[in-house]
Amino acid sequence: MIFAALFHALTGARMPAAEGVGIGADLGLPDPVCREVLRSGRLAPHFGYRHFTLPKKTGGRRAVAEPDARLKEAQRAIIARYFAADECHPAAIAYRAKKSIAHHVWPHAGADFMVSADIEDFFPNPLTARVEAWWRERVTSEQARLLTALTTDRGALPQGAPTSPALSNFVNRELDEELA
């Protein structure tokens, strides 16, 4: 099994009852766990977040939602299974492997003008509905609901989850296209 560590953590290495292929099978998630998350609309008691704040460099506090070990492993499995860098707009450099601020700046070298902007509270802005709509373009409706539940918290992308940076780039592609 590809996600043996996740399977072991969730089930204690017990095989789920033979129920056919479950909706979380491609992530190594036991079907009963996935069904319970879908039925209840809640991650608990199987998964959870630790909420805390950190100071911002510019003052104020940043809200962080850190997924527990099981959820973080599930989110990493989601990244491996579903995320492709080519779904980002070419200008979306942030949070991408082997990309730095230099990759963003070089295309603008020699320009007469450059505008810099920052979206306040960027991660909380892509609402769950936008994330689910993105998933629905790629997977079945039931899988989209499960993947949305596993990658959002309190109606938004949680700052602190490994899936949030890429999802923020994916769901904001239209914004990037307009800005370009």
C-alpha atoms as a PDB file:
ATOM      1  CA  MET A   1       0.000   0.000   0.000  1.00  0.00           C
ATOM      2  CA  ILE A   2       1.426   3.371  -1.054  1.00  0.00           C
ATOM      3  CA  PHE A   3       0.309   5.216   2.049  1.00  0.00           C
ATOM      4  CA  ALA A   4       1.130   2.468   4.536  1.00  0.00           C
ATOM      5  CA  ALA A   5       2.118   4.873   7.309  1.00  0.00           C
ATOM      6  CA  LEU A   6      -1.207   6.718   7.041  1.00  0.00           C
ATOM      7  CA  PHE A   7      -3.133   3.466   6.902  1.00  0.00           C
ATOM      8  CA  HIS A   8      -1.320   2.188   9.985  1.00  0.00           C
ATOM      9  CA  ALA A   9      -1.923   5.434  11.885  1.00  0.00           C
ATOM     10  CA  LEU A  10      -5.634   5.448  11.087  1.00  0.00           C
ATOM     11  CA  THR A  11      -6.421   1.779  11.552  1.00  0.00           C
ATOM     12  CA  GLY A  12      -3.652   0.273  13.668  1.00  0.00           C
ATOM     13  CA  ALA A  13      -2.843  -1.841  10.566  1.00  0.00           C
ATOM     14  CA  ARG A  14      -6.289  -3.482  10.622  1.00  0.00           C
ATOM     15  CA  MET A  15      -7.743  -4.048   7.191  1.00  0.00           C
ATOM     16  CA  PRO A  16     -11.161  -2.415   6.723  1.00  0.00           C
ATOM     17  CA  ALA A  17     -14.093  -4.709   6.058  1.00  0.00           C
ATOM     18  CA  ALA A  18     -14.395  -5.704   2.414  1.00  0.00           C
ATOM     19  CA  GLU A  19     -16.785  -3.045   1.111  1.00  0.00           C
ATOM     20  CA  GLY A  20     -15.407  -2.620  -2.355  1.00  0.00           C
ATOM     21  CA  VAL A  21     -13.269   0.346  -3.276  1.00  0.00           C
ATOM     22  CA  GLY A  22     -13.917   3.216  -0.894  1.00  0.00           C
ATOM     23  CA  ILE A  23     -13.934   6.898  -1.720  1.00  0.00           C
ATOM     24  CA  GLY A  24     -10.667   7.459   0.149  1.00  0.00           C
ATOM     25  CA  ALA A  25      -8.924   4.372  -1.239  1.00  0.00           C
ATOM     26  CA  ASP A  26      -6.597   6.354  -3.509  1.00  0.00           C
ATOM     27  CA  LEU A  27      -5.404   8.205  -0.396  1.00  0.00           C
ATOM     28  CA  GLY A  28      -5.064   5.082   1.718  1.00  0.00           C
ATOM     29  CA  LEU A  29      -7.923   6.236   3.956  1.00  0.00           C
ATOM     30  CA  PRO A  30     -10.292   3.638   5.391  1.00  0.00           C
ATOM     31  CA  ASP A  31     -13.761   3.891   3.870  1.00  0.00           C
ATOM     32  CA  PRO A  32     -15.561   4.007   7.259  1.00  0.00           C
ATOM     33  CA  VAL A  33     -13.524   7.080   8.267  1.00  0.00           C
ATOM     34  CA  CYS A  34     -14.315   8.819   4.975  1.00  0.00           C
ATOM     35  CA  ARG A  35     -18.016   7.945   5.225  1.00  0.00           C
ATOM     36  CA  GLU A  36     -18.175   9.308   8.781  1.00  0.00           C
ATOM     37  CA  VAL A  37     -16.521  12.586   7.720  1.00  0.00           C
ATOM     38  CA  LEU A  38     -18.999  12.920   4.847  1.00  0.00           C
ATOM     39  CA  ARG A  39     -22.008  11.959   6.968  1.00  0.00           C
ATOM     40  CA  SER A  40     -21.216  14.241   9.889  1.00  0.00           C
ATOM     41  CA  GLY A  41     -19.608  17.063   7.939  1.00  0.00           C
ATOM     42  CA  ARG A  42     -16.901  17.124  10.623  1.00  0.00           C
ATOM     43  CA  LEU A  43     -13.334  15.875  10.772  1.00  0.00           C
ATOM     44  CA  ALA A  44     -13.511  14.975  14.475  1.00  0.00           C
ATOM     45  CA  PRO A  45     -12.902  12.463  15.967  1.00  0.00           C
ATOM     46  CA  HIS A  46     -10.654  11.174  13.168  1.00  0.00           C
ATOM     47  CA  PHE A  47      -8.790  14.374  12.333  1.00  0.00           C
ATOM     48  CA  GLY A  48      -8.341  17.814  13.815  1.00  0.00           C
ATOM     49  CA  TYR A  49      -6.504  21.124  13.884  1.00  0.00           C
ATOM     50  CA  ARG A  50      -4.575  22.908  16.612  1.00  0.00           C
ATOM     51  CA  HIS A  51      -5.408  26.616  16.477  1.00  0.00           C
ATOM     52  CA  PHE A  52      -2.966  29.256  17.694  1.00  0.00           C
ATOM     53  CA  THR A  53      -1.549  32.641  16.710  1.00  0.00           C
ATOM     54  CA  LEU A  54       1.951  33.815  15.836  1.00  0.00           C
ATOM     55  CA  PRO A  55       3.259  37.385  15.730  1.00  0.00           C
ATOM     56  CA  LYS A  56       3.492  38.982  12.286  1.00  0.00           C
ATOM     57  CA  LYS A  57       6.697  40.761  11.269  1.00  0.00           C
ATOM     58  CA  THR A  58       4.653  43.900  10.627  1.00  0.00           C
ATOM     59  CA  GLY A  59       2.771  43.719  13.922  1.00  0.00           C
ATOM     60  CA  GLY A  60      -0.441  42.012  14.859  1.00  0.00           C
ATOM     61  CA  ARG A  61      -1.029  38.276  15.040  1.00  0.00           C
ATOM     62  CA  ARG A  62      -1.432  35.584  12.378  1.00  0.00           C
ATOM     63  CA  ALA A  63      -3.976  32.821  12.972  1.00  0.00           C
ATOM     64  CA  VAL A  64      -2.533  29.359  12.307  1.00  0.00           C
ATOM     65  CA  ALA A  65      -4.433  26.091  12.031  1.00  0.00           C
ATOM     66  CA  GLU A  66      -2.000  23.186  12.254  1.00  0.00           C
ATOM     67  CA  PRO A  67      -3.418  19.818  11.175  1.00  0.00           C
ATOM     68  CA  ASP A  68      -2.800  16.876  13.488  1.00  0.00           C
ATOM     69  CA  ALA A  69      -0.386  14.177  12.314  1.00  0.00           C
ATOM     70  CA  ARG A  70      -3.108  12.016  10.717  1.00  0.00           C
ATOM     71  CA  LEU A  71      -4.668  14.893   8.834  1.00  0.00           C
ATOM     72  CA  LYS A  72      -1.291  16.243   7.740  1.00  0.00           C
ATOM     73  CA  GLU A  73      -0.391  12.813   6.342  1.00  0.00           C
ATOM     74  CA  ALA A  74      -3.735  12.657   4.516  1.00  0.00           C
ATOM     75  CA  GLN A  75      -3.110  16.139   3.107  1.00  0.00           C
ATOM     76  CA  ARG A  76       0.339  15.109   1.885  1.00  0.00           C
ATOM     77  CA  ALA A  77      -1.271  12.120   0.183  1.00  0.00           C
ATOM     78  CA  ILE A  78      -3.734  14.521  -1.472  1.00  0.00           C
ATOM     79  CA  ILE A  79      -0.822  16.629  -2.735  1.00  0.00           C
ATOM     80  CA  ALA A  80       0.925  13.558  -4.166  1.00  0.00           C
ATOM     81  CA  ARG A  81      -2.241  12.234  -5.798  1.00  0.00           C
ATOM     82  CA  TYR A  82      -4.039  15.338  -7.064  1.00  0.00           C
ATOM     83  CA  PHE A  83      -1.814  18.405  -7.276  1.00  0.00           C
ATOM     84  CA  ALA A  84       0.073  19.301 -10.432  1.00  0.00           C
ATOM     85  CA  ALA A  85       2.200  22.444 -10.614  1.00  0.00           C
ATOM     86  CA  ASP A  86       0.998  23.125 -14.148  1.00  0.00           C
ATOM     87  CA  GLU A  87      -2.461  23.954 -12.772  1.00  0.00           C
ATOM     88  CA  CYS A  88      -1.014  27.149 -11.315  1.00  0.00           C
ATOM     89  CA  HIS A  89      -0.863  30.301 -13.386  1.00  0.00           C
ATOM     90  CA  PRO A  90       2.755  30.806 -14.535  1.00  0.00           C
ATOM     91  CA  ALA A  91       2.900  34.016 -12.483  1.00  0.00           C
ATOM     92  CA  ALA A  92       1.914  32.149  -9.293  1.00  0.00           C
ATOM     93  CA  ILE A  93       5.409  31.615  -7.934  1.00  0.00           C
ATOM     94  CA  ALA A  94       4.661  31.637  -4.206  1.00  0.00           C
ATOM     95  CA  TYR A  95       4.867  28.323  -2.367  1.00  0.00           C
ATOM     96  CA  ARG A  96       6.135  26.384  -5.386  1.00  0.00           C
ATOM     97  CA  ALA A  97       9.072  24.019  -5.118  1.00  0.00           C
ATOM     98  CA  LYS A  98      12.372  25.346  -6.425  1.00  0.00           C
ATOM     99  CA  LYS A  99      10.905  28.842  -6.923  1.00  0.00           C
ATOM    100  CA  SER A 100      11.971  31.963  -5.094  1.00  0.00           C
ATOM    101  CA  ILE A 101      11.274  35.669  -5.072  1.00  0.00           C
ATOM    102  CA  ALA A 102      13.945  35.952  -7.785  1.00  0.00           C
ATOM    103  CA  HIS A 103      11.773  33.884 -10.149  1.00  0.00           C
ATOM    104  CA  HIS A 104       9.015  36.410  -9.640  1.00  0.00           C
ATOM    105  CA  VAL A 105      11.213  39.482 -10.037  1.00  0.00           C
ATOM    106  CA  TRP A 106      13.265  38.554 -13.133  1.00  0.00           C
ATOM    107  CA  PRO A 107      10.407  38.863 -15.652  1.00  0.00           C
ATOM    108  CA  HIS A 108       9.986  42.480 -14.484  1.00  0.00           C
ATOM    109  CA  ALA A 109      13.657  43.461 -14.733  1.00  0.00           C
ATOM    110  CA  GLY A 110      14.054  46.668 -16.714  1.00  0.00           C
ATOM    111  CA  ALA A 111      10.369  47.591 -16.497  1.00  0.00           C
ATOM    112  CA  ASP A 112       9.581  51.281 -16.185  1.00  0.00           C
ATOM    113  CA  PHE A 113       7.017  50.612 -13.462  1.00  0.00           C
ATOM    114  CA  MET A 114       6.278  47.789 -11.092  1.00  0.00           C
ATOM    115  CA  VAL A 115       3.251  47.496  -8.828  1.00  0.00           C
ATOM    116  CA  SER A 116       3.411  45.383  -5.719  1.00  0.00           C
ATOM    117  CA  ALA A 117       0.284  44.342  -3.838  1.00  0.00           C
ATOM    118  CA  ASP A 118      -0.543  42.024  -0.984  1.00  0.00           C
ATOM    119  CA  ILE A 119      -3.889  40.377  -0.332  1.00  0.00           C
ATOM    120  CA  GLU A 120      -4.758  40.795   3.320  1.00  0.00           C
ATOM    121  CA  ASP A 121      -5.558  37.509   5.090  1.00  0.00           C
ATOM    122  CA  PHE A 122      -4.915  35.603   1.876  1.00  0.00           C
ATOM    123  CA  PHE A 123      -5.535  32.053   3.123  1.00  0.00           C
ATOM    124  CA  PRO A 124      -8.851  32.704   4.848  1.00  0.00           C
ATOM    125  CA  ASN A 125     -10.221  34.387   1.717  1.00  0.00           C
ATOM    126  CA  PRO A 126     -10.728  31.364  -0.615  1.00  0.00           C
ATOM    127  CA  LEU A 127     -13.999  30.121   0.826  1.00  0.00           C
ATOM    128  CA  THR A 128     -14.909  26.459   1.089  1.00  0.00           C
ATOM    129  CA  ALA A 129     -17.390  26.777  -1.800  1.00  0.00           C
ATOM    130  CA  ARG A 130     -14.615  27.899  -4.159  1.00  0.00           C
ATOM    131  CA  VAL A 131     -12.361  25.055  -3.031  1.00  0.00           C
ATOM    132  CA  GLU A 132     -15.140  22.516  -3.497  1.00  0.00           C
ATOM    133  CA  ALA A 133     -15.947  23.919  -6.953  1.00  0.00           C
ATOM    134  CA  TRP A 134     -12.290  23.424  -7.914  1.00  0.00           C
ATOM    135  CA  TRP A 135     -12.379  19.823  -6.678  1.00  0.00           C
ATOM    136  CA  ARG A 136     -15.682  19.130  -8.503  1.00  0.00           C
ATOM    137  CA  GLU A 137     -13.961  19.895 -11.811  1.00  0.00           C
ATOM    138  CA  ARG A 138     -11.556  17.002 -11.134  1.00  0.00           C
ATOM    139  CA  VAL A 139     -13.307  14.267  -9.154  1.00  0.00           C
ATOM    140  CA  THR A 140     -16.774  12.918  -8.389  1.00  0.00           C
ATOM    141  CA  SER A 141     -19.146  14.972  -6.260  1.00  0.00           C
ATOM    142  CA  GLU A 142     -18.667  12.685  -3.255  1.00  0.00           C
ATOM    143  CA  GLN A 143     -14.874  12.798  -3.553  1.00  0.00           C
ATOM    144  CA  ALA A 144     -15.028  16.593  -3.925  1.00  0.00           C
ATOM    145  CA  ARG A 145     -16.950  16.867  -0.651  1.00  0.00           C
ATOM    146  CA  LEU A 146     -14.436  14.614   1.118  1.00  0.00           C
ATOM    147  CA  LEU A 147     -11.383  16.392  -0.320  1.00  0.00           C
ATOM    148  CA  THR A 148     -12.885  19.772   0.586  1.00  0.00           C
ATOM    149  CA  ALA A 149     -13.475  18.582   4.152  1.00  0.00           C
ATOM    150  CA  LEU A 150      -9.890  17.321   4.368  1.00  0.00           C
ATOM    151  CA  THR A 151      -8.359  20.543   3.015  1.00  0.00           C
ATOM    152  CA  THR A 152     -10.455  23.315   4.588  1.00  0.00           C
ATOM    153  CA  ASP A 153     -11.185  24.429   8.138  1.00  0.00           C
ATOM    154  CA  ARG A 154     -13.800  26.841   9.443  1.00  0.00           C
ATOM    155  CA  GLY A 155     -14.906  27.741   5.928  1.00  0.00           C
ATOM    156  CA  ALA A 156     -11.496  28.558   4.458  1.00  0.00           C
ATOM    157  CA  LEU A 157      -8.015  27.315   3.653  1.00  0.00           C
ATOM    158  CA  PRO A 158      -6.175  26.846   6.943  1.00  0.00           C
ATOM    159  CA  GLN A 159      -2.864  28.639   7.193  1.00  0.00           C
ATOM    160  CA  GLY A 160      -0.603  25.854   8.411  1.00  0.00           C
ATOM    161  CA  ALA A 161      -1.946  22.989   6.277  1.00  0.00           C
ATOM    162  CA  PRO A 162       0.410  21.615   3.596  1.00  0.00           C
ATOM    163  CA  THR A 163      -2.415  21.700   1.017  1.00  0.00           C
ATOM    164  CA  SER A 164      -3.316  25.379   1.471  1.00  0.00           C
ATOM    165  CA  PRO A 165      -0.506  27.023  -0.536  1.00  0.00           C
ATOM    166  CA  ALA A 166      -1.175  25.041  -3.717  1.00  0.00           C
ATOM    167  CA  LEU A 167      -4.957  25.207  -3.339  1.00  0.00           C
ATOM    168  CA  SER A 168      -4.739  28.979  -2.923  1.00  0.00           C
ATOM    169  CA  ASN A 169      -2.850  29.165  -6.226  1.00  0.00           C
ATOM    170  CA  PHE A 170      -5.284  26.785  -7.940  1.00  0.00           C
ATOM    171  CA  VAL A 171      -8.529  28.463  -6.843  1.00  0.00           C
ATOM    172  CA  ASN A 172      -7.139  31.933  -7.561  1.00  0.00           C
ATOM    173  CA  ARG A 173      -5.974  31.147 -11.081  1.00  0.00           C
ATOM    174  CA  GLU A 174      -8.711  33.327 -12.582  1.00  0.00           C
ATOM    175  CA  LEU A 175      -7.506  36.272 -10.461  1.00  0.00           C
ATOM    176  CA  ASP A 176      -3.947  35.657 -11.664  1.00  0.00           C
ATOM    177  CA  GLU A 177      -5.159  35.610 -15.272  1.00  0.00           C
ATOM    178  CA  GLU A 178      -6.979  38.921 -14.802  1.00  0.00           C
ATOM    179  CA  LEU A 179      -3.931  40.502 -13.161  1.00  0.00           C
ATOM    180  CA  ALA A 180      -1.654  39.258 -15.937  1.00  0.00           C
END
